[in-house]
Amino acid sequence: MSGMSTNVSQTPVFSPPVSESYDCETAALVRACLCPLFDGATSWKVLAEGLATRGYGLAIRDGRLVVKEAASGRRICSVRYLGTNLRELSGRLGRPMVLARRDRAAAGEFLV
């Protein structure tokens, strides 16, 4: 392994298929990895940084707040899958800054 370097902030801890196809063990791992970040976040910045250290990010896709792989942009799951939603998070963390995407309907990228 010498000579190999891995940028931890860009390598997902876990890269499952999208949430609709998770088996129960994968679903438990996804929730165990991500839920503490959402539960412990005190701001959108803290949440985004926590996700980034694990190789993930936030985005709006098809009008839903989702967790995505930072490097590929691939959707991992919706935040509803993790037991929360944009309304609850906005009430706790404040209004998020989202840049609308022109190439997709009901899509945006989070700015922090």
PDB file of N, CA and C in Angstrom:
ATOM      1  N   MET A   1       0.786  -1.196   0.000  1.00  0.00           N
ATOM      2  CA  MET A   1       0.000   0.000   0.000  1.00  0.00           C
ATOM      3  C   MET A   1       0.832   1.266   0.000  1.00  0.00           C
ATOM      4  N   SER A   2       2.126   1.144   0.024  1.00  0.00           N
ATOM      5  CA  SER A   2       2.929   2.352   0.018  1.00  0.00           C
ATOM      6  C   SER A   2       2.745   3.069  -1.305  1.00  0.00           C
ATOM      7  N   GLY A   3       2.794   4.395  -1.244  1.00  0.00           N
ATOM      8  CA  GLY A   3       2.610   5.187  -2.436  1.00  0.00           C
ATOM      9  C   GLY A   3       1.152   5.533  -2.711  1.00  0.00           C
ATOM     10  N   MET A   4       0.244   4.908  -1.973  1.00  0.00           N
ATOM     11  CA  MET A   4      -1.178   5.197  -2.160  1.00  0.00           C
ATOM     12  C   MET A   4      -1.610   6.260  -1.163  1.00  0.00           C
ATOM     13  N   SER A   5      -2.262   7.282  -1.647  1.00  0.00           N
ATOM     14  CA  SER A   5      -2.788   8.291  -0.749  1.00  0.00           C
ATOM     15  C   SER A   5      -4.280   8.416  -0.992  1.00  0.00           C
ATOM     16  N   THR A   6      -5.013   8.543   0.076  1.00  0.00           N
ATOM     17  CA  THR A   6      -6.459   8.667  -0.017  1.00  0.00           C
ATOM     18  C   THR A   6      -6.888   9.945   0.650  1.00  0.00           C
ATOM     19  N   ASN A   7      -7.630  10.757  -0.047  1.00  0.00           N
ATOM     20  CA  ASN A   7      -8.187  11.970   0.527  1.00  0.00           C
ATOM     21  C   ASN A   7      -9.479  11.586   1.230  1.00  0.00           C
ATOM     22  N   VAL A   8      -9.437  11.526   2.557  1.00  0.00           N
ATOM     23  CA  VAL A   8     -10.558  11.071   3.353  1.00  0.00           C
ATOM     24  C   VAL A   8     -11.796  11.919   3.121  1.00  0.00           C
ATOM     25  N   SER A   9     -11.636  13.219   2.910  1.00  0.00           N
ATOM     26  CA  SER A   9     -12.796  14.088   2.766  1.00  0.00           C
ATOM     27  C   SER A   9     -13.540  13.841   1.455  1.00  0.00           C
ATOM     28  N   GLN A  10     -12.953  13.133   0.508  1.00  0.00           N
ATOM     29  CA  GLN A  10     -13.622  12.887  -0.757  1.00  0.00           C
ATOM     30  C   GLN A  10     -13.949  11.422  -0.982  1.00  0.00           C
ATOM     31  N   THR A  11     -13.608  10.556  -0.060  1.00  0.00           N
ATOM     32  CA  THR A  11     -13.880   9.144  -0.204  1.00  0.00           C
ATOM     33  C   THR A  11     -15.025   8.759   0.727  1.00  0.00           C
ATOM     34  N   PRO A  12     -16.181   8.354   0.178  1.00  0.00           N
ATOM     35  CA  PRO A  12     -17.297   7.994   1.041  1.00  0.00           C
ATOM     36  C   PRO A  12     -16.929   6.861   1.982  1.00  0.00           C
ATOM     37  N   VAL A  13     -17.400   6.947   3.225  1.00  0.00           N
ATOM     38  CA  VAL A  13     -17.180   5.891   4.198  1.00  0.00           C
ATOM     39  C   VAL A  13     -17.863   4.625   3.715  1.00  0.00           C
ATOM     40  N   PHE A  14     -19.009   4.796   3.113  1.00  0.00           N
ATOM     41  CA  PHE A  14     -19.829   3.686   2.691  1.00  0.00           C
ATOM     42  C   PHE A  14     -20.566   4.116   1.441  1.00  0.00           C
ATOM     43  N   SER A  15     -20.551   3.318   0.405  1.00  0.00           N
ATOM     44  CA  SER A  15     -21.164   3.720  -0.856  1.00  0.00           C
ATOM     45  C   SER A  15     -22.191   2.689  -1.313  1.00  0.00           C
ATOM     46  N   PRO A  16     -23.377   2.699  -0.693  1.00  0.00           N
ATOM     47  CA  PRO A  16     -24.405   1.733  -1.051  1.00  0.00           C
ATOM     48  C   PRO A  16     -25.178   2.158  -2.290  1.00  0.00           C
ATOM     49  N   PRO A  17     -26.035   1.283  -2.803  1.00  0.00           N
ATOM     50  CA  PRO A  17     -26.950   1.707  -3.857  1.00  0.00           C
ATOM     51  C   PRO A  17     -27.972   2.681  -3.261  1.00  0.00           C
ATOM     52  N   VAL A  18     -28.892   3.201  -4.056  1.00  0.00           N
ATOM     53  CA  VAL A  18     -29.879   4.142  -3.522  1.00  0.00           C
ATOM     54  C   VAL A  18     -30.804   3.463  -2.530  1.00  0.00           C
ATOM     55  N   SER A  19     -31.390   4.261  -1.612  1.00  0.00           N
ATOM     56  CA  SER A  19     -32.114   3.739  -0.460  1.00  0.00           C
ATOM     57  C   SER A  19     -33.273   2.815  -0.791  1.00  0.00           C
ATOM     58  N   GLU A  20     -33.909   2.973  -1.955  1.00  0.00           N
ATOM     59  CA  GLU A  20     -35.043   2.126  -2.286  1.00  0.00           C
ATOM     60  C   GLU A  20     -34.659   0.656  -2.414  1.00  0.00           C
ATOM     61  N   SER A  21     -33.390   0.373  -2.659  1.00  0.00           N
ATOM     62  CA  SER A  21     -32.967  -1.003  -2.855  1.00  0.00           C
ATOM     63  C   SER A  21     -32.137  -1.558  -1.691  1.00  0.00           C
ATOM     64  N   TYR A  22     -32.102  -0.878  -0.561  1.00  0.00           N
ATOM     65  CA  TYR A  22     -31.309  -1.360   0.575  1.00  0.00           C
ATOM     66  C   TYR A  22     -31.944  -2.592   1.211  1.00  0.00           C
ATOM     67  N   ASP A  23     -31.098  -3.534   1.586  1.00  0.00           N
ATOM     68  CA  ASP A  23     -31.571  -4.601   2.457  1.00  0.00           C
ATOM     69  C   ASP A  23     -31.522  -4.067   3.884  1.00  0.00           C
ATOM     70  N   CYS A  24     -32.044  -4.801   4.849  1.00  0.00           N
ATOM     71  CA  CYS A  24     -32.159  -4.261   6.209  1.00  0.00           C
ATOM     72  C   CYS A  24     -30.797  -3.973   6.844  1.00  0.00           C
ATOM     73  N   GLU A  25     -29.777  -4.767   6.550  1.00  0.00           N
ATOM     74  CA  GLU A  25     -28.453  -4.534   7.125  1.00  0.00           C
ATOM     75  C   GLU A  25     -27.829  -3.266   6.558  1.00  0.00           C
ATOM     76  N   THR A  26     -27.968  -3.055   5.256  1.00  0.00           N
ATOM     77  CA  THR A  26     -27.434  -1.848   4.627  1.00  0.00           C
ATOM     78  C   THR A  26     -28.153  -0.619   5.148  1.00  0.00           C
ATOM     79  N   ALA A  27     -29.459  -0.709   5.277  1.00  0.00           N
ATOM     80  CA  ALA A  27     -30.241   0.412   5.799  1.00  0.00           C
ATOM     81  C   ALA A  27     -29.780   0.779   7.210  1.00  0.00           C
ATOM     82  N   ALA A  28     -29.524  -0.220   8.032  1.00  0.00           N
ATOM     83  CA  ALA A  28     -29.051   0.037   9.394  1.00  0.00           C
ATOM     84  C   ALA A  28     -27.684   0.712   9.381  1.00  0.00           C
ATOM     85  N   LEU A  29     -26.791   0.290   8.482  1.00  0.00           N
ATOM     86  CA  LEU A  29     -25.463   0.906   8.379  1.00  0.00           C
ATOM     87  C   LEU A  29     -25.549   2.356   7.908  1.00  0.00           C
ATOM     88  N   VAL A  30     -26.388   2.614   6.907  1.00  0.00           N
ATOM     89  CA  VAL A  30     -26.559   3.983   6.412  1.00  0.00           C
ATOM     90  C   VAL A  30     -27.057   4.880   7.543  1.00  0.00           C
ATOM     91  N   ARG A  31     -28.073   4.437   8.242  1.00  0.00           N
ATOM     92  CA  ARG A  31     -28.630   5.241   9.336  1.00  0.00           C
ATOM     93  C   ARG A  31     -27.629   5.411  10.470  1.00  0.00           C
ATOM     94  N   ALA A  32     -26.888   4.354  10.796  1.00  0.00           N
ATOM     95  CA  ALA A  32     -25.890   4.445  11.874  1.00  0.00           C
ATOM     96  C   ALA A  32     -24.783   5.429  11.526  1.00  0.00           C
ATOM     97  N   CYS A  33     -24.426   5.519  10.261  1.00  0.00           N
ATOM     98  CA  CYS A  33     -23.365   6.418   9.804  1.00  0.00           C
ATOM     99  C   CYS A  33     -23.841   7.868   9.744  1.00  0.00           C
ATOM    100  N   LEU A  34     -25.068   8.088   9.268  1.00  0.00           N
ATOM    101  CA  LEU A  34     -25.522   9.445   8.976  1.00  0.00           C
ATOM    102  C   LEU A  34     -26.395  10.095  10.053  1.00  0.00           C
ATOM    103  N   CYS A  35     -27.222   9.331  10.737  1.00  0.00           N
ATOM    104  CA  CYS A  35     -28.152   9.930  11.718  1.00  0.00           C
ATOM    105  C   CYS A  35     -27.456  10.747  12.808  1.00  0.00           C
ATOM    106  N   PRO A  36     -26.338  10.280  13.374  1.00  0.00           N
ATOM    107  CA  PRO A  36     -25.682  11.092  14.401  1.00  0.00           C
ATOM    108  C   PRO A  36     -25.255  12.472  13.899  1.00  0.00           C
ATOM    109  N   LEU A  37     -24.901  12.576  12.628  1.00  0.00           N
ATOM    110  CA  LEU A  37     -24.516  13.873  12.064  1.00  0.00           C
ATOM    111  C   LEU A  37     -25.699  14.826  12.034  1.00  0.00           C
ATOM    112  N   PHE A  38     -26.853  14.330  11.637  1.00  0.00           N
ATOM    113  CA  PHE A  38     -28.060  15.155  11.586  1.00  0.00           C
ATOM    114  C   PHE A  38     -28.540  15.497  12.990  1.00  0.00           C
ATOM    115  N   ASP A  39     -28.505  14.519  13.897  1.00  0.00           N
ATOM    116  CA  ASP A  39     -28.975  14.749  15.267  1.00  0.00           C
ATOM    117  C   ASP A  39     -28.096  15.741  16.015  1.00  0.00           C
ATOM    118  N   GLY A  40     -26.795  15.714  15.769  1.00  0.00           N
ATOM    119  CA  GLY A  40     -25.869  16.556  16.516  1.00  0.00           C
ATOM    120  C   GLY A  40     -25.558  17.905  15.875  1.00  0.00           C
ATOM    121  N   ALA A  41     -26.060  18.145  14.668  1.00  0.00           N
ATOM    122  CA  ALA A  41     -25.731  19.389  13.965  1.00  0.00           C
ATOM    123  C   ALA A  41     -26.357  20.595  14.652  1.00  0.00           C
ATOM    124  N   THR A  42     -25.574  21.656  14.772  1.00  0.00           N
ATOM    125  CA  THR A  42     -26.058  22.913  15.363  1.00  0.00           C
ATOM    126  C   THR A  42     -26.221  24.001  14.313  1.00  0.00           C
ATOM    127  N   SER A  43     -25.783  23.713  13.075  1.00  0.00           N
ATOM    128  CA  SER A  43     -25.940  24.651  11.966  1.00  0.00           C
ATOM    129  C   SER A  43     -25.806  23.853  10.674  1.00  0.00           C
ATOM    130  N   TRP A  44     -26.212  24.474   9.561  1.00  0.00           N
ATOM    131  CA  TRP A  44     -26.044  23.831   8.263  1.00  0.00           C
ATOM    132  C   TRP A  44     -24.566  23.609   7.981  1.00  0.00           C
ATOM    133  N   LYS A  45     -23.724  24.539   8.393  1.00  0.00           N
ATOM    134  CA  LYS A  45     -22.284  24.410   8.169  1.00  0.00           C
ATOM    135  C   LYS A  45     -21.726  23.197   8.905  1.00  0.00           C
ATOM    136  N   VAL A  46     -22.114  23.023  10.166  1.00  0.00           N
ATOM    137  CA  VAL A  46     -21.647  21.870  10.948  1.00  0.00           C
ATOM    138  C   VAL A  46     -22.106  20.571  10.288  1.00  0.00           C
ATOM    139  N   LEU A  47     -23.349  20.534   9.847  1.00  0.00           N
ATOM    140  CA  LEU A  47     -23.878  19.340   9.184  1.00  0.00           C
ATOM    141  C   LEU A  47     -23.120  19.061   7.888  1.00  0.00           C
ATOM    142  N   ALA A  48     -22.943  20.086   7.063  1.00  0.00           N
ATOM    143  CA  ALA A  48     -22.242  19.917   5.788  1.00  0.00           C
ATOM    144  C   ALA A  48     -20.798  19.462   6.004  1.00  0.00           C
ATOM    145  N   GLU A  49     -20.128  20.019   6.991  1.00  0.00           N
ATOM    146  CA  GLU A  49     -18.740  19.626   7.272  1.00  0.00           C
ATOM    147  C   GLU A  49     -18.662  18.186   7.761  1.00  0.00           C
ATOM    148  N   GLY A  50     -19.596  17.795   8.616  1.00  0.00           N
ATOM    149  CA  GLY A  50     -19.634  16.406   9.085  1.00  0.00           C
ATOM    150  C   GLY A  50     -19.847  15.430   7.944  1.00  0.00           C
ATOM    151  N   LEU A  51     -20.778  15.764   7.065  1.00  0.00           N
ATOM    152  CA  LEU A  51     -21.023  14.914   5.898  1.00  0.00           C
ATOM    153  C   LEU A  51     -19.799  14.878   4.983  1.00  0.00           C
ATOM    154  N   ALA A  52     -19.173  16.036   4.778  1.00  0.00           N
ATOM    155  CA  ALA A  52     -18.006  16.113   3.889  1.00  0.00           C
ATOM    156  C   ALA A  52     -16.842  15.268   4.392  1.00  0.00           C
ATOM    157  N   THR A  53     -16.644  15.201   5.692  1.00  0.00           N
ATOM    158  CA  THR A  53     -15.544  14.382   6.225  1.00  0.00           C
ATOM    159  C   THR A  53     -15.756  12.906   5.938  1.00  0.00           C
ATOM    160  N   ARG A  54     -16.994  12.529   5.641  1.00  0.00           N
ATOM    161  CA  ARG A  54     -17.306  11.136   5.318  1.00  0.00           C
ATOM    162  C   ARG A  54     -17.522  10.923   3.819  1.00  0.00           C
ATOM    163  N   GLY A  55     -17.333  11.991   3.029  1.00  0.00           N
ATOM    164  CA  GLY A  55     -17.453  11.858   1.589  1.00  0.00           C
ATOM    165  C   GLY A  55     -18.849  12.102   1.043  1.00  0.00           C
ATOM    166  N   TYR A  56     -19.694  12.782   1.823  1.00  0.00           N
ATOM    167  CA  TYR A  56     -21.076  13.034   1.422  1.00  0.00           C
ATOM    168  C   TYR A  56     -21.385  14.517   1.383  1.00  0.00           C
ATOM    169  N   GLY A  57     -22.536  14.864   0.856  1.00  0.00           N
ATOM    170  CA  GLY A  57     -23.008  16.235   0.811  1.00  0.00           C
ATOM    171  C   GLY A  57     -24.521  16.265   0.773  1.00  0.00           C
ATOM    172  N   LEU A  58     -25.088  17.460   0.758  1.00  0.00           N
ATOM    173  CA  LEU A  58     -26.529  17.655   0.686  1.00  0.00           C
ATOM    174  C   LEU A  58     -26.910  18.251  -0.658  1.00  0.00           C
ATOM    175  N   ALA A  59     -28.098  17.938  -1.125  1.00  0.00           N
ATOM    176  CA  ALA A  59     -28.608  18.508  -2.370  1.00  0.00           C
ATOM    177  C   ALA A  59     -30.123  18.400  -2.381  1.00  0.00           C
ATOM    178  N   ILE A  60     -30.733  19.153  -3.262  1.00  0.00           N
ATOM    179  CA  ILE A  60     -32.159  19.007  -3.534  1.00  0.00           C
ATOM    180  C   ILE A  60     -32.263  18.259  -4.861  1.00  0.00           C
ATOM    181  N   ARG A  61     -32.984  17.163  -4.862  1.00  0.00           N
ATOM    182  CA  ARG A  61     -33.210  16.365  -6.065  1.00  0.00           C
ATOM    183  C   ARG A  61     -34.700  16.041  -6.141  1.00  0.00           C
ATOM    184  N   ASP A  62     -35.316  16.365  -7.254  1.00  0.00           N
ATOM    185  CA  ASP A  62     -36.746  16.127  -7.447  1.00  0.00           C
ATOM    186  C   ASP A  62     -37.567  16.715  -6.303  1.00  0.00           C
ATOM    187  N   GLY A  63     -37.137  17.874  -5.809  1.00  0.00           N
ATOM    188  CA  GLY A  63     -37.850  18.566  -4.756  1.00  0.00           C
ATOM    189  C   GLY A  63     -37.647  18.005  -3.360  1.00  0.00           C
ATOM    190  N   ARG A  64     -36.724  17.088  -3.185  1.00  0.00           N
ATOM    191  CA  ARG A  64     -36.470  16.469  -1.875  1.00  0.00           C
ATOM    192  C   ARG A  64     -35.038  16.728  -1.430  1.00  0.00           C
ATOM    193  N   LEU A  65     -34.867  16.910  -0.130  1.00  0.00           N
ATOM    194  CA  LEU A  65     -33.533  17.049   0.441  1.00  0.00           C
ATOM    195  C   LEU A  65     -32.913  15.661   0.528  1.00  0.00           C
ATOM    196  N   VAL A  66     -31.744  15.494  -0.076  1.00  0.00           N
ATOM    197  CA  VAL A  66     -31.093  14.188  -0.121  1.00  0.00           C
ATOM    198  C   VAL A  66     -29.637  14.279   0.319  1.00  0.00           C
ATOM    199  N   VAL A  67     -29.112  13.139   0.722  1.00  0.00           N
ATOM    200  CA  VAL A  67     -27.678  12.976   0.957  1.00  0.00           C
ATOM    201  C   VAL A  67     -27.119  12.384  -0.328  1.00  0.00           C
ATOM    202  N   LYS A  68     -25.993  12.950  -0.789  1.00  0.00           N
ATOM    203  CA  LYS A  68     -25.368  12.486  -2.028  1.00  0.00           C
ATOM    204  C   LYS A  68     -23.902  12.187  -1.776  1.00  0.00           C
ATOM    205  N   GLU A  69     -23.311  11.389  -2.639  1.00  0.00           N
ATOM    206  CA  GLU A  69     -21.868  11.211  -2.619  1.00  0.00           C
ATOM    207  C   GLU A  69     -21.261  12.508  -3.117  1.00  0.00           C
ATOM    208  N   ALA A  70     -20.285  13.023  -2.409  1.00  0.00           N
ATOM    209  CA  ALA A  70     -19.681  14.300  -2.786  1.00  0.00           C
ATOM    210  C   ALA A  70     -18.965  14.208  -4.136  1.00  0.00           C
ATOM    211  N   ALA A  71     -18.246  13.141  -4.368  1.00  0.00           N
ATOM    212  CA  ALA A  71     -17.437  13.038  -5.585  1.00  0.00           C
ATOM    213  C   ALA A  71     -18.288  12.832  -6.837  1.00  0.00           C
ATOM    214  N   SER A  72     -19.280  11.966  -6.762  1.00  0.00           N
ATOM    215  CA  SER A  72     -20.055  11.613  -7.955  1.00  0.00           C
ATOM    216  C   SER A  72     -21.386  12.352  -8.050  1.00  0.00           C
ATOM    217  N   GLY A  73     -21.880  12.864  -6.915  1.00  0.00           N
ATOM    218  CA  GLY A  73     -23.198  13.487  -6.902  1.00  0.00           C
ATOM    219  C   GLY A  73     -24.329  12.482  -6.851  1.00  0.00           C
ATOM    220  N   ARG A  74     -24.010  11.210  -6.767  1.00  0.00           N
ATOM    221  CA  ARG A  74     -25.009  10.142  -6.733  1.00  0.00           C
ATOM    222  C   ARG A  74     -25.824  10.194  -5.449  1.00  0.00           C
ATOM    223  N   ARG A  75     -27.127  10.105  -5.582  1.00  0.00           N
ATOM    224  CA  ARG A  75     -28.038  10.145  -4.441  1.00  0.00           C
ATOM    225  C   ARG A  75     -27.858   8.894  -3.583  1.00  0.00           C
ATOM    226  N   ILE A  76     -27.726   9.089  -2.266  1.00  0.00           N
ATOM    227  CA  ILE A  76     -27.628   7.974  -1.327  1.00  0.00           C
ATOM    228  C   ILE A  76     -28.998   7.694  -0.713  1.00  0.00           C
ATOM    229  N   CYS A  77     -29.631   8.737  -0.168  1.00  0.00           N
ATOM    230  CA  CYS A  77     -30.957   8.589   0.422  1.00  0.00           C
ATOM    231  C   CYS A  77     -31.550   9.969   0.678  1.00  0.00           C
ATOM    232  N   SER A  78     -32.843  10.001   0.910  1.00  0.00           N
ATOM    233  CA  SER A  78     -33.472  11.257   1.300  1.00  0.00           C
ATOM    234  C   SER A  78     -33.282  11.428   2.807  1.00  0.00           C
ATOM    235  N   VAL A  79     -33.401  12.653   3.292  1.00  0.00           N
ATOM    236  CA  VAL A  79     -33.275  12.854   4.736  1.00  0.00           C
ATOM    237  C   VAL A  79     -34.489  12.281   5.454  1.00  0.00           C
ATOM    238  N   ARG A  80     -35.604  12.169   4.767  1.00  0.00           N
ATOM    239  CA  ARG A  80     -36.788  11.527   5.357  1.00  0.00           C
ATOM    240  C   ARG A  80     -36.470  10.076   5.695  1.00  0.00           C
ATOM    241  N   TYR A  81     -35.669   9.426   4.871  1.00  0.00           N
ATOM    242  CA  TYR A  81     -35.233   8.054   5.125  1.00  0.00           C
ATOM    243  C   TYR A  81     -34.464   7.969   6.444  1.00  0.00           C
ATOM    244  N   LEU A  82     -33.833   9.088   6.815  1.00  0.00           N
ATOM    245  CA  LEU A  82     -33.063   9.149   8.059  1.00  0.00           C
ATOM    246  C   LEU A  82     -33.911   9.614   9.240  1.00  0.00           C
ATOM    247  N   GLY A  83     -35.196   9.858   9.008  1.00  0.00           N
ATOM    248  CA  GLY A  83     -36.087  10.215  10.099  1.00  0.00           C
ATOM    249  C   GLY A  83     -36.252  11.705  10.329  1.00  0.00           C
ATOM    250  N   THR A  84     -35.894  12.524   9.373  1.00  0.00           N
ATOM    251  CA  THR A  84     -36.053  13.968   9.513  1.00  0.00           C
ATOM    252  C   THR A  84     -36.563  14.533   8.191  1.00  0.00           C
ATOM    253  N   ASN A  85     -36.697  15.836   8.114  1.00  0.00           N
ATOM    254  CA  ASN A  85     -37.119  16.469   6.869  1.00  0.00           C
ATOM    255  C   ASN A  85     -36.612  17.899   6.842  1.00  0.00           C
ATOM    256  N   LEU A  86     -36.755  18.546   5.698  1.00  0.00           N
ATOM    257  CA  LEU A  86     -36.240  19.894   5.524  1.00  0.00           C
ATOM    258  C   LEU A  86     -36.903  20.873   6.488  1.00  0.00           C
ATOM    259  N   ARG A  87     -38.179  20.727   6.723  1.00  0.00           N
ATOM    260  CA  ARG A  87     -38.884  21.633   7.639  1.00  0.00           C
ATOM    261  C   ARG A  87     -38.316  21.550   9.058  1.00  0.00           C
ATOM    262  N   GLU A  88     -38.125  20.347   9.541  1.00  0.00           N
ATOM    263  CA  GLU A  88     -37.572  20.167  10.895  1.00  0.00           C
ATOM    264  C   GLU A  88     -36.149  20.705  10.966  1.00  0.00           C
ATOM    265  N   LEU A  89     -35.339  20.386   9.967  1.00  0.00           N
ATOM    266  CA  LEU A  89     -33.955  20.862   9.969  1.00  0.00           C
ATOM    267  C   LEU A  89     -33.889  22.381   9.868  1.00  0.00           C
ATOM    268  N   SER A  90     -34.733  22.981   9.034  1.00  0.00           N
ATOM    269  CA  SER A  90     -34.750  24.443   8.906  1.00  0.00           C
ATOM    270  C   SER A  90     -35.175  25.107  10.196  1.00  0.00           C
ATOM    271  N   GLY A  91     -36.126  24.508  10.897  1.00  0.00           N
ATOM    272  CA  GLY A  91     -36.551  25.046  12.184  1.00  0.00           C
ATOM    273  C   GLY A  91     -35.442  25.018  13.217  1.00  0.00           C
ATOM    274  N   ARG A  92     -34.614  23.987  13.160  1.00  0.00           N
ATOM    275  CA  ARG A  92     -33.526  23.821  14.130  1.00  0.00           C
ATOM    276  C   ARG A  92     -32.247  24.512  13.708  1.00  0.00           C
ATOM    277  N   LEU A  93     -31.917  24.483  12.410  1.00  0.00           N
ATOM    278  CA  LEU A  93     -30.622  24.980  11.925  1.00  0.00           C
ATOM    279  C   LEU A  93     -30.713  26.335  11.229  1.00  0.00           C
ATOM    280  N   GLY A  94     -31.924  26.811  10.973  1.00  0.00           N
ATOM    281  CA  GLY A  94     -32.098  28.053  10.238  1.00  0.00           C
ATOM    282  C   GLY A  94     -32.347  27.783   8.769  1.00  0.00           C
ATOM    283  N   ARG A  95     -32.582  28.834   8.053  1.00  0.00           N
ATOM    284  CA  ARG A  95     -32.877  28.725   6.624  1.00  0.00           C
ATOM    285  C   ARG A  95     -31.613  28.369   5.846  1.00  0.00           C
ATOM    286  N   PRO A  96     -31.657  27.318   5.027  1.00  0.00           N
ATOM    287  CA  PRO A  96     -30.462  26.944   4.264  1.00  0.00           C
ATOM    288  C   PRO A  96     -30.287  27.834   3.040  1.00  0.00           C
ATOM    289  N   MET A  97     -29.054  27.932   2.567  1.00  0.00           N
ATOM    290  CA  MET A  97     -28.770  28.636   1.316  1.00  0.00           C
ATOM    291  C   MET A  97     -28.624  27.570   0.233  1.00  0.00           C
ATOM    292  N   VAL A  98     -29.490  27.649  -0.773  1.00  0.00           N
ATOM    293  CA  VAL A  98     -29.510  26.649  -1.841  1.00  0.00           C
ATOM    294  C   VAL A  98     -29.405  27.355  -3.187  1.00  0.00           C
ATOM    295  N   LEU A  99     -28.501  26.896  -4.009  1.00  0.00           N
ATOM    296  CA  LEU A  99     -28.335  27.419  -5.357  1.00  0.00           C
ATOM    297  C   LEU A  99     -29.148  26.544  -6.302  1.00  0.00           C
ATOM    298  N   ALA A 100     -30.147  27.139  -6.965  1.00  0.00           N
ATOM    299  CA  ALA A 100     -30.990  26.384  -7.898  1.00  0.00           C
ATOM    300  C   ALA A 100     -30.171  25.912  -9.086  1.00  0.00           C
ATOM    301  N   ARG A 101     -30.447  24.713  -9.545  1.00  0.00           N
ATOM    302  CA  ARG A 101     -29.781  24.165 -10.729  1.00  0.00           C
ATOM    303  C   ARG A 101     -30.650  24.429 -11.940  1.00  0.00           C
ATOM    304  N   ARG A 102     -30.050  24.930 -12.981  1.00  0.00           N
ATOM    305  CA  ARG A 102     -30.798  25.223 -14.203  1.00  0.00           C
ATOM    306  C   ARG A 102     -30.949  24.001 -15.098  1.00  0.00           C
ATOM    307  N   ASP A 103     -30.111  23.004 -14.875  1.00  0.00           N
ATOM    308  CA  ASP A 103     -30.144  21.823 -15.743  1.00  0.00           C
ATOM    309  C   ASP A 103     -31.133  20.751 -15.286  1.00  0.00           C
ATOM    310  N   ARG A 104     -31.746  20.949 -14.111  1.00  0.00           N
ATOM    311  CA  ARG A 104     -32.709  19.979 -13.584  1.00  0.00           C
ATOM    312  C   ARG A 104     -33.871  20.700 -12.939  1.00  0.00           C
ATOM    313  N   ALA A 105     -35.052  20.138 -13.073  1.00  0.00           N
ATOM    314  CA  ALA A 105     -36.224  20.692 -12.401  1.00  0.00           C
ATOM    315  C   ALA A 105     -36.196  20.312 -10.924  1.00  0.00           C
ATOM    316  N   ALA A 106     -36.613  21.229 -10.060  1.00  0.00           N
ATOM    317  CA  ALA A 106     -36.708  20.988  -8.614  1.00  0.00           C
ATOM    318  C   ALA A 106     -35.403  20.444  -8.037  1.00  0.00           C
ATOM    319  N   ALA A 107     -34.274  21.074  -8.415  1.00  0.00           N
ATOM    320  CA  ALA A 107     -32.969  20.623  -7.944  1.00  0.00           C
ATOM    321  C   ALA A 107     -32.130  21.825  -7.506  1.00  0.00           C
ATOM    322  N   GLY A 108     -31.245  21.584  -6.533  1.00  0.00           N
ATOM    323  CA  GLY A 108     -30.363  22.639  -6.065  1.00  0.00           C
ATOM    324  C   GLY A 108     -29.194  22.072  -5.293  1.00  0.00           C
ATOM    325  N   GLU A 109     -28.189  22.905  -5.133  1.00  0.00           N
ATOM    326  CA  GLU A 109     -26.987  22.539  -4.376  1.00  0.00           C
ATOM    327  C   GLU A 109     -26.894  23.432  -3.141  1.00  0.00           C
ATOM    328  N   PHE A 110     -26.519  22.860  -2.024  1.00  0.00           N
ATOM    329  CA  PHE A 110     -26.391  23.609  -0.784  1.00  0.00           C
ATOM    330  C   PHE A 110     -25.105  24.423  -0.764  1.00  0.00           C
ATOM    331  N   LEU A 111     -25.205  25.645  -0.291  1.00  0.00           N
ATOM    332  CA  LEU A 111     -24.053  26.521  -0.136  1.00  0.00           C
ATOM    333  C   LEU A 111     -23.826  26.702   1.354  1.00  0.00           C
ATOM    334  N   VAL A 112     -22.589  26.535   1.792  1.00  0.00           N
ATOM    335  CA  VAL A 112     -22.258  26.781   3.207  1.00  0.00           C
ATOM    336  C   VAL A 112     -20.967  27.555   3.326  1.00  0.00           C
TER     337      VAL A 112
END
